[in-house]
Amino acid sequence: MNEPPETAPLTVVELDDLTCYIIGVEDLIIDRLNGYVHWGWEDDRRWVGRLLVLHADTVDWAYLERRAITEGTVEALAEIRREVRAGENC
């Protein structure tokens, strides 16, 4: 699996005098897509669908699709996204 690029979406959380940088949901989706596509982990496929349902309005789709192309998971992403839109993977 490739490392997320420097431009990957991040969530910044400030706790007292600490600043925490958390990977974006897009990279979590990519990680689960990799598990499904490359290792056949069906639970990861379900997680992709659920994450897409939960974060559909906030996902950086352009970034997610670029990463999926790089990781060789773009076809699975498109398939799961179609299912989510049809209400099959909620």
PDB file of N, CA and C in Angstrom:
ATOM      1  N   MET A   1       0.840  -1.180   0.000  1.00  0.00           N
ATOM      2  CA  MET A   1       0.000   0.000   0.000  1.00  0.00           C
ATOM      3  C   MET A   1       0.882   1.238   0.000  1.00  0.00           C
ATOM      4  N   ASN A   2       0.511   2.205  -0.779  1.00  0.00           N
ATOM      5  CA  ASN A   2       1.239   3.469  -0.823  1.00  0.00           C
ATOM      6  C   ASN A   2       0.872   4.340   0.360  1.00  0.00           C
ATOM      7  N   GLU A   3       1.813   5.163   0.787  1.00  0.00           N
ATOM      8  CA  GLU A   3       1.547   6.114   1.863  1.00  0.00           C
ATOM      9  C   GLU A   3       0.695   7.258   1.347  1.00  0.00           C
ATOM     10  N   PRO A   4      -0.201   7.807   2.198  1.00  0.00           N
ATOM     11  CA  PRO A   4      -0.965   8.977   1.768  1.00  0.00           C
ATOM     12  C   PRO A   4      -0.020  10.126   1.432  1.00  0.00           C
ATOM     13  N   PRO A   5      -0.313  10.874   0.388  1.00  0.00           N
ATOM     14  CA  PRO A   5       0.551  11.998   0.034  1.00  0.00           C
ATOM     15  C   PRO A   5       0.438  13.130   1.045  1.00  0.00           C
ATOM     16  N   GLU A   6       1.374  14.050   0.964  1.00  0.00           N
ATOM     17  CA  GLU A   6       1.381  15.206   1.870  1.00  0.00           C
ATOM     18  C   GLU A   6       0.095  16.013   1.788  1.00  0.00           C
ATOM     19  N   THR A   7      -0.609  15.924   0.665  1.00  0.00           N
ATOM     20  CA  THR A   7      -1.835  16.697   0.480  1.00  0.00           C
ATOM     21  C   THR A   7      -3.078  15.929   0.917  1.00  0.00           C
ATOM     22  N   ALA A   8      -2.904  14.802   1.582  1.00  0.00           N
ATOM     23  CA  ALA A   8      -4.042  13.993   2.027  1.00  0.00           C
ATOM     24  C   ALA A   8      -4.908  14.795   2.985  1.00  0.00           C
ATOM     25  N   PRO A   9      -6.234  14.616   2.886  1.00  0.00           N
ATOM     26  CA  PRO A   9      -7.123  15.299   3.828  1.00  0.00           C
ATOM     27  C   PRO A   9      -6.831  14.858   5.257  1.00  0.00           C
ATOM     28  N   LEU A  10      -6.798  15.812   6.164  1.00  0.00           N
ATOM     29  CA  LEU A  10      -6.547  15.545   7.576  1.00  0.00           C
ATOM     30  C   LEU A  10      -7.608  16.227   8.419  1.00  0.00           C
ATOM     31  N   THR A  11      -7.845  15.663   9.584  1.00  0.00           N
ATOM     32  CA  THR A  11      -8.652  16.325  10.595  1.00  0.00           C
ATOM     33  C   THR A  11      -7.684  16.783  11.668  1.00  0.00           C
ATOM     34  N   VAL A  12      -7.794  18.043  12.058  1.00  0.00           N
ATOM     35  CA  VAL A  12      -6.927  18.596  13.088  1.00  0.00           C
ATOM     36  C   VAL A  12      -7.749  18.737  14.367  1.00  0.00           C
ATOM     37  N   VAL A  13      -7.235  18.149  15.452  1.00  0.00           N
ATOM     38  CA  VAL A  13      -7.901  18.209  16.745  1.00  0.00           C
ATOM     39  C   VAL A  13      -6.940  18.865  17.730  1.00  0.00           C
ATOM     40  N   GLU A  14      -7.416  19.885  18.403  1.00  0.00           N
ATOM     41  CA  GLU A  14      -6.605  20.581  19.408  1.00  0.00           C
ATOM     42  C   GLU A  14      -7.053  20.130  20.792  1.00  0.00           C
ATOM     43  N   LEU A  15      -6.126  19.625  21.580  1.00  0.00           N
ATOM     44  CA  LEU A  15      -6.397  19.192  22.953  1.00  0.00           C
ATOM     45  C   LEU A  15      -5.437  19.910  23.876  1.00  0.00           C
ATOM     46  N   ASP A  16      -5.955  20.852  24.623  1.00  0.00           N
ATOM     47  CA  ASP A  16      -5.114  21.669  25.489  1.00  0.00           C
ATOM     48  C   ASP A  16      -3.971  22.272  24.666  1.00  0.00           C
ATOM     49  N   ASP A  17      -2.743  21.888  24.965  1.00  0.00           N
ATOM     50  CA  ASP A  17      -1.609  22.445  24.221  1.00  0.00           C
ATOM     51  C   ASP A  17      -1.081  21.481  23.153  1.00  0.00           C
ATOM     52  N   LEU A  18      -1.873  20.464  22.827  1.00  0.00           N
ATOM     53  CA  LEU A  18      -1.472  19.493  21.812  1.00  0.00           C
ATOM     54  C   LEU A  18      -2.303  19.670  20.545  1.00  0.00           C
ATOM     55  N   THR A  19      -1.661  19.485  19.417  1.00  0.00           N
ATOM     56  CA  THR A  19      -2.362  19.462  18.147  1.00  0.00           C
ATOM     57  C   THR A  19      -2.196  18.064  17.569  1.00  0.00           C
ATOM     58  N   CYS A  20      -3.334  17.402  17.281  1.00  0.00           N
ATOM     59  CA  CYS A  20      -3.313  16.047  16.730  1.00  0.00           C
ATOM     60  C   CYS A  20      -3.793  16.090  15.285  1.00  0.00           C
ATOM     61  N   TYR A  21      -3.101  15.370  14.428  1.00  0.00           N
ATOM     62  CA  TYR A  21      -3.470  15.273  13.023  1.00  0.00           C
ATOM     63  C   TYR A  21      -3.950  13.847  12.775  1.00  0.00           C
ATOM     64  N   ILE A  22      -5.184  13.721  12.333  1.00  0.00           N
ATOM     65  CA  ILE A  22      -5.807  12.414  12.127  1.00  0.00           C
ATOM     66  C   ILE A  22      -6.061  12.242  10.638  1.00  0.00           C
ATOM     67  N   ILE A  23      -5.737  11.058  10.112  1.00  0.00           N
ATOM     68  CA  ILE A  23      -5.959  10.821   8.687  1.00  0.00           C
ATOM     69  C   ILE A  23      -7.431  11.023   8.347  1.00  0.00           C
ATOM     70  N   GLY A  24      -7.661  11.440   7.130  1.00  0.00           N
ATOM     71  CA  GLY A  24      -9.026  11.646   6.675  1.00  0.00           C
ATOM     72  C   GLY A  24      -9.737  10.330   6.420  1.00  0.00           C
ATOM     73  N   VAL A  25     -11.048  10.405   6.382  1.00  0.00           N
ATOM     74  CA  VAL A  25     -11.853   9.214   6.128  1.00  0.00           C
ATOM     75  C   VAL A  25     -11.510   8.604   4.768  1.00  0.00           C
ATOM     76  N   GLU A  26     -11.048   9.435   3.838  1.00  0.00           N
ATOM     77  CA  GLU A  26     -10.676   8.938   2.512  1.00  0.00           C
ATOM     78  C   GLU A  26      -9.567   7.894   2.592  1.00  0.00           C
ATOM     79  N   ASP A  27      -8.583   8.136   3.441  1.00  0.00           N
ATOM     80  CA  ASP A  27      -7.485   7.170   3.567  1.00  0.00           C
ATOM     81  C   ASP A  27      -7.922   5.920   4.323  1.00  0.00           C
ATOM     82  N   LEU A  28      -8.867   6.061   5.221  1.00  0.00           N
ATOM     83  CA  LEU A  28      -9.437   4.886   5.878  1.00  0.00           C
ATOM     84  C   LEU A  28     -10.210   4.043   4.863  1.00  0.00           C
ATOM     85  N   ILE A  29     -10.969   4.707   4.001  1.00  0.00           N
ATOM     86  CA  ILE A  29     -11.698   3.993   2.946  1.00  0.00           C
ATOM     87  C   ILE A  29     -10.723   3.259   2.033  1.00  0.00           C
ATOM     88  N   ILE A  30      -9.634   3.929   1.650  1.00  0.00           N
ATOM     89  CA  ILE A  30      -8.624   3.295   0.790  1.00  0.00           C
ATOM     90  C   ILE A  30      -8.029   2.073   1.479  1.00  0.00           C
ATOM     91  N   ASP A  31      -7.741   2.199   2.757  1.00  0.00           N
ATOM     92  CA  ASP A  31      -7.190   1.063   3.495  1.00  0.00           C
ATOM     93  C   ASP A  31      -8.146  -0.124   3.452  1.00  0.00           C
ATOM     94  N   ARG A  32      -9.427   0.131   3.665  1.00  0.00           N
ATOM     95  CA  ARG A  32     -10.420  -0.949   3.634  1.00  0.00           C
ATOM     96  C   ARG A  32     -10.608  -1.487   2.216  1.00  0.00           C
ATOM     97  N   LEU A  33     -10.559  -0.626   1.219  1.00  0.00           N
ATOM     98  CA  LEU A  33     -10.630  -1.095  -0.173  1.00  0.00           C
ATOM     99  C   LEU A  33      -9.470  -2.029  -0.485  1.00  0.00           C
ATOM    100  N   ASN A  34      -8.286  -1.678  -0.011  1.00  0.00           N
ATOM    101  CA  ASN A  34      -7.125  -2.545  -0.214  1.00  0.00           C
ATOM    102  C   ASN A  34      -7.346  -3.910   0.425  1.00  0.00           C
ATOM    103  N   GLY A  35      -7.879  -3.928   1.635  1.00  0.00           N
ATOM    104  CA  GLY A  35      -8.153  -5.196   2.305  1.00  0.00           C
ATOM    105  C   GLY A  35      -9.128  -6.048   1.516  1.00  0.00           C
ATOM    106  N   TYR A  36     -10.146  -5.410   0.988  1.00  0.00           N
ATOM    107  CA  TYR A  36     -11.150  -6.139   0.211  1.00  0.00           C
ATOM    108  C   TYR A  36     -10.583  -6.630  -1.120  1.00  0.00           C
ATOM    109  N   VAL A  37      -9.994  -5.721  -1.884  1.00  0.00           N
ATOM    110  CA  VAL A  37      -9.549  -6.058  -3.243  1.00  0.00           C
ATOM    111  C   VAL A  37      -8.336  -6.977  -3.234  1.00  0.00           C
ATOM    112  N   HIS A  38      -7.341  -6.661  -2.436  1.00  0.00           N
ATOM    113  CA  HIS A  38      -6.073  -7.387  -2.512  1.00  0.00           C
ATOM    114  C   HIS A  38      -6.003  -8.620  -1.612  1.00  0.00           C
ATOM    115  N   TRP A  39      -6.822  -8.652  -0.545  1.00  0.00           N
ATOM    116  CA  TRP A  39      -6.764  -9.788   0.377  1.00  0.00           C
ATOM    117  C   TRP A  39      -8.100 -10.497   0.523  1.00  0.00           C
ATOM    118  N   GLY A  40      -9.145  -9.992  -0.149  1.00  0.00           N
ATOM    119  CA  GLY A  40     -10.439 -10.664  -0.136  1.00  0.00           C
ATOM    120  C   GLY A  40     -11.207 -10.573   1.169  1.00  0.00           C
ATOM    121  N   TRP A  41     -10.929  -9.559   1.963  1.00  0.00           N
ATOM    122  CA  TRP A  41     -11.595  -9.408   3.252  1.00  0.00           C
ATOM    123  C   TRP A  41     -12.975  -8.783   3.057  1.00  0.00           C
ATOM    124  N   GLU A  42     -14.016  -9.603   3.124  1.00  0.00           N
ATOM    125  CA  GLU A  42     -15.394  -9.158   2.896  1.00  0.00           C
ATOM    126  C   GLU A  42     -15.848  -8.130   3.934  1.00  0.00           C
ATOM    127  N   ASP A  43     -15.381  -8.254   5.174  1.00  0.00           N
ATOM    128  CA  ASP A  43     -15.749  -7.253   6.189  1.00  0.00           C
ATOM    129  C   ASP A  43     -15.277  -5.863   5.775  1.00  0.00           C
ATOM    130  N   ASP A  44     -14.105  -5.799   5.150  1.00  0.00           N
ATOM    131  CA  ASP A  44     -13.601  -4.495   4.703  1.00  0.00           C
ATOM    132  C   ASP A  44     -14.492  -3.915   3.610  1.00  0.00           C
ATOM    133  N   ARG A  45     -15.058  -4.759   2.777  1.00  0.00           N
ATOM    134  CA  ARG A  45     -15.984  -4.276   1.748  1.00  0.00           C
ATOM    135  C   ARG A  45     -17.203  -3.629   2.405  1.00  0.00           C
ATOM    136  N   ARG A  46     -17.726  -4.284   3.436  1.00  0.00           N
ATOM    137  CA  ARG A  46     -18.875  -3.724   4.156  1.00  0.00           C
ATOM    138  C   ARG A  46     -18.515  -2.403   4.817  1.00  0.00           C
ATOM    139  N   TRP A  47     -17.292  -2.313   5.362  1.00  0.00           N
ATOM    140  CA  TRP A  47     -16.852  -1.059   5.976  1.00  0.00           C
ATOM    141  C   TRP A  47     -16.776   0.065   4.948  1.00  0.00           C
ATOM    142  N   VAL A  48     -16.302  -0.228   3.755  1.00  0.00           N
ATOM    143  CA  VAL A  48     -16.257   0.793   2.700  1.00  0.00           C
ATOM    144  C   VAL A  48     -17.664   1.322   2.446  1.00  0.00           C
ATOM    145  N   GLY A  49     -18.614   0.424   2.277  1.00  0.00           N
ATOM    146  CA  GLY A  49     -19.985   0.850   2.041  1.00  0.00           C
ATOM    147  C   GLY A  49     -20.527   1.703   3.166  1.00  0.00           C
ATOM    148  N   ARG A  50     -20.291   1.279   4.386  1.00  0.00           N
ATOM    149  CA  ARG A  50     -20.794   2.028   5.551  1.00  0.00           C
ATOM    150  C   ARG A  50     -20.137   3.402   5.653  1.00  0.00           C
ATOM    151  N   LEU A  51     -18.834   3.456   5.448  1.00  0.00           N
ATOM    152  CA  LEU A  51     -18.137   4.746   5.506  1.00  0.00           C
ATOM    153  C   LEU A  51     -18.621   5.696   4.413  1.00  0.00           C
ATOM    154  N   LEU A  52     -18.898   5.145   3.237  1.00  0.00           N
ATOM    155  CA  LEU A  52     -19.413   5.984   2.154  1.00  0.00           C
ATOM    156  C   LEU A  52     -20.797   6.520   2.490  1.00  0.00           C
ATOM    157  N   VAL A  53     -21.613   5.707   3.141  1.00  0.00           N
ATOM    158  CA  VAL A  53     -22.941   6.175   3.561  1.00  0.00           C
ATOM    159  C   VAL A  53     -22.799   7.280   4.612  1.00  0.00           C
ATOM    160  N   LEU A  54     -21.976   7.043   5.604  1.00  0.00           N
ATOM    161  CA  LEU A  54     -21.837   7.992   6.710  1.00  0.00           C
ATOM    162  C   LEU A  54     -21.197   9.319   6.310  1.00  0.00           C
ATOM    163  N   HIS A  55     -20.289   9.286   5.322  1.00  0.00           N
ATOM    164  CA  HIS A  55     -19.497  10.476   5.001  1.00  0.00           C
ATOM    165  C   HIS A  55     -19.686  10.975   3.568  1.00  0.00           C
ATOM    166  N   ALA A  56     -20.760  10.546   2.916  1.00  0.00           N
ATOM    167  CA  ALA A  56     -20.968  10.883   1.500  1.00  0.00           C
ATOM    168  C   ALA A  56     -20.899  12.375   1.224  1.00  0.00           C
ATOM    169  N   ASP A  57     -21.376  13.188   2.152  1.00  0.00           N
ATOM    170  CA  ASP A  57     -21.423  14.638   1.925  1.00  0.00           C
ATOM    171  C   ASP A  57     -20.095  15.335   2.191  1.00  0.00           C
ATOM    172  N   THR A  58     -19.165  14.654   2.841  1.00  0.00           N
ATOM    173  CA  THR A  58     -17.907  15.318   3.195  1.00  0.00           C
ATOM    174  C   THR A  58     -16.673  14.696   2.558  1.00  0.00           C
ATOM    175  N   VAL A  59     -16.833  13.558   1.893  1.00  0.00           N
ATOM    176  CA  VAL A  59     -15.686  12.889   1.267  1.00  0.00           C
ATOM    177  C   VAL A  59     -15.118  13.758   0.151  1.00  0.00           C
ATOM    178  N   ASP A  60     -13.806  13.832   0.094  1.00  0.00           N
ATOM    179  CA  ASP A  60     -13.118  14.481  -1.029  1.00  0.00           C
ATOM    180  C   ASP A  60     -13.042  13.430  -2.141  1.00  0.00           C
ATOM    181  N   TRP A  61     -14.058  13.426  -2.997  1.00  0.00           N
ATOM    182  CA  TRP A  61     -14.195  12.379  -4.012  1.00  0.00           C
ATOM    183  C   TRP A  61     -13.047  12.389  -5.008  1.00  0.00           C
ATOM    184  N   ALA A  62     -12.565  13.558  -5.377  1.00  0.00           N
ATOM    185  CA  ALA A  62     -11.455  13.624  -6.334  1.00  0.00           C
ATOM    186  C   ALA A  62     -10.209  12.958  -5.738  1.00  0.00           C
ATOM    187  N   TYR A  63      -9.907  13.264  -4.488  1.00  0.00           N
ATOM    188  CA  TYR A  63      -8.757  12.662  -3.817  1.00  0.00           C
ATOM    189  C   TYR A  63      -8.956  11.152  -3.690  1.00  0.00           C
ATOM    190  N   LEU A  64     -10.151  10.738  -3.259  1.00  0.00           N
ATOM    191  CA  LEU A  64     -10.437   9.312  -3.072  1.00  0.00           C
ATOM    192  C   LEU A  64     -10.273   8.545  -4.373  1.00  0.00           C
ATOM    193  N   GLU A  65     -10.773   9.084  -5.450  1.00  0.00           N
ATOM    194  CA  GLU A  65     -10.657   8.394  -6.747  1.00  0.00           C
ATOM    195  C   GLU A  65      -9.209   8.346  -7.233  1.00  0.00           C
ATOM    196  N   ARG A  66      -8.448   9.412  -7.020  1.00  0.00           N
ATOM    197  CA  ARG A  66      -7.017   9.385  -7.395  1.00  0.00           C
ATOM    198  C   ARG A  66      -6.286   8.298  -6.619  1.00  0.00           C
ATOM    199  N   ARG A  67      -6.531   8.217  -5.314  1.00  0.00           N
ATOM    200  CA  ARG A  67      -5.883   7.186  -4.495  1.00  0.00           C
ATOM    201  C   ARG A  67      -6.320   5.793  -4.927  1.00  0.00           C
ATOM    202  N   ALA A  68      -7.605   5.633  -5.242  1.00  0.00           N
ATOM    203  CA  ALA A  68      -8.107   4.318  -5.663  1.00  0.00           C
ATOM    204  C   ALA A  68      -7.456   3.887  -6.975  1.00  0.00           C
ATOM    205  N   ILE A  69      -7.240   4.821  -7.882  1.00  0.00           N
ATOM    206  CA  ILE A  69      -6.535   4.509  -9.128  1.00  0.00           C
ATOM    207  C   ILE A  69      -5.118   4.039  -8.805  1.00  0.00           C
ATOM    208  N   THR A  70      -4.431   4.785  -7.952  1.00  0.00           N
ATOM    209  CA  THR A  70      -3.058   4.451  -7.573  1.00  0.00           C
ATOM    210  C   THR A  70      -2.976   3.077  -6.910  1.00  0.00           C
ATOM    211  N   GLU A  71      -3.966   2.753  -6.086  1.00  0.00           N
ATOM    212  CA  GLU A  71      -3.960   1.500  -5.327  1.00  0.00           C
ATOM    213  C   GLU A  71      -4.531   0.315  -6.109  1.00  0.00           C
ATOM    214  N   GLY A  72      -5.093   0.573  -7.285  1.00  0.00           N
ATOM    215  CA  GLY A  72      -5.686  -0.510  -8.064  1.00  0.00           C
ATOM    216  C   GLY A  72      -7.039  -0.957  -7.532  1.00  0.00           C
ATOM    217  N   THR A  73      -7.750  -0.036  -6.894  1.00  0.00           N
ATOM    218  CA  THR A  73      -9.040  -0.379  -6.289  1.00  0.00           C
ATOM    219  C   THR A  73     -10.189   0.458  -6.851  1.00  0.00           C
ATOM    220  N   VAL A  74      -9.949   1.187  -7.919  1.00  0.00           N
ATOM    221  CA  VAL A  74     -10.960   2.121  -8.425  1.00  0.00           C
ATOM    222  C   VAL A  74     -12.218   1.406  -8.904  1.00  0.00           C
ATOM    223  N   GLU A  75     -12.084   0.228  -9.478  1.00  0.00           N
ATOM    224  CA  GLU A  75     -13.272  -0.493  -9.949  1.00  0.00           C
ATOM    225  C   GLU A  75     -14.139  -0.935  -8.775  1.00  0.00           C
ATOM    226  N   ALA A  76     -13.517  -1.417  -7.721  1.00  0.00           N
ATOM    227  CA  ALA A  76     -14.279  -1.816  -6.529  1.00  0.00           C
ATOM    228  C   ALA A  76     -14.946  -0.600  -5.893  1.00  0.00           C
ATOM    229  N   LEU A  77     -14.243   0.525  -5.845  1.00  0.00           N
ATOM    230  CA  LEU A  77     -14.830   1.751  -5.307  1.00  0.00           C
ATOM    231  C   LEU A  77     -16.067   2.142  -6.102  1.00  0.00           C
ATOM    232  N   ALA A  78     -15.983   2.117  -7.413  1.00  0.00           N
ATOM    233  CA  ALA A  78     -17.120   2.485  -8.263  1.00  0.00           C
ATOM    234  C   ALA A  78     -18.293   1.532  -8.037  1.00  0.00           C
ATOM    235  N   GLU A  79     -18.002   0.243  -7.921  1.00  0.00           N
ATOM    236  CA  GLU A  79     -19.061  -0.748  -7.700  1.00  0.00           C
ATOM    237  C   GLU A  79     -19.766  -0.522  -6.360  1.00  0.00           C
ATOM    238  N   ILE A  80     -18.989  -0.337  -5.317  1.00  0.00           N
ATOM    239  CA  ILE A  80     -19.571  -0.129  -3.986  1.00  0.00           C
ATOM    240  C   ILE A  80     -20.320   1.202  -3.942  1.00  0.00           C
ATOM    241  N   ARG A  81     -19.788   2.211  -4.584  1.00  0.00           N
ATOM    242  CA  ARG A  81     -20.463   3.509  -4.624  1.00  0.00           C
ATOM    243  C   ARG A  81     -21.818   3.407  -5.333  1.00  0.00           C
ATOM    244  N   ARG A  82     -21.883   2.645  -6.414  1.00  0.00           N
ATOM    245  CA  ARG A  82     -23.160   2.421  -7.106  1.00  0.00           C
ATOM    246  C   ARG A  82     -24.164   1.733  -6.176  1.00  0.00           C
ATOM    247  N   GLU A  83     -23.696   0.738  -5.429  1.00  0.00           N
ATOM    248  CA  GLU A  83     -24.564   0.028  -4.498  1.00  0.00           C
ATOM    249  C   GLU A  83     -25.080   0.961  -3.409  1.00  0.00           C
ATOM    250  N   VAL A  84     -24.201   1.803  -2.908  1.00  0.00           N
ATOM    251  CA  VAL A  84     -24.599   2.754  -1.860  1.00  0.00           C
ATOM    252  C   VAL A  84     -25.661   3.699  -2.392  1.00  0.00           C
ATOM    253  N   ARG A  85     -25.454   4.206  -3.584  1.00  0.00           N
ATOM    254  CA  ARG A  85     -26.436   5.108  -4.187  1.00  0.00           C
ATOM    255  C   ARG A  85     -27.775   4.426  -4.387  1.00  0.00           C
ATOM    256  N   ALA A  86     -27.752   3.134  -4.677  1.00  0.00           N
ATOM    257  CA  ALA A  86     -28.994   2.376  -4.890  1.00  0.00           C
ATOM    258  C   ALA A  86     -29.602   1.893  -3.560  1.00  0.00           C
ATOM    259  N   GLY A  87     -28.905   2.171  -2.457  1.00  0.00           N
ATOM    260  CA  GLY A  87     -29.412   1.770  -1.161  1.00  0.00           C
ATOM    261  C   GLY A  87     -29.174   0.319  -0.814  1.00  0.00           C
ATOM    262  N   GLU A  88     -28.262  -0.337  -1.527  1.00  0.00           N
ATOM    263  CA  GLU A  88     -28.013  -1.763  -1.320  1.00  0.00           C
ATOM    264  C   GLU A  88     -26.966  -2.046  -0.251  1.00  0.00           C
ATOM    265  N   ASN A  89     -26.179  -1.053   0.153  1.00  0.00           N
ATOM    266  CA  ASN A  89     -25.034  -1.300   1.020  1.00  0.00           C
ATOM    267  C   ASN A  89     -25.080  -0.352   2.220  1.00  0.00           C
ATOM    268  N   CYS A  90     -26.199  -0.275   2.880  1.00  0.00           N
ATOM    269  CA  CYS A  90     -26.352   0.699   3.968  1.00  0.00           C
ATOM    270  C   CYS A  90     -26.189   0.078   5.323  1.00  0.00           C
TER     271      CYS A  90
END
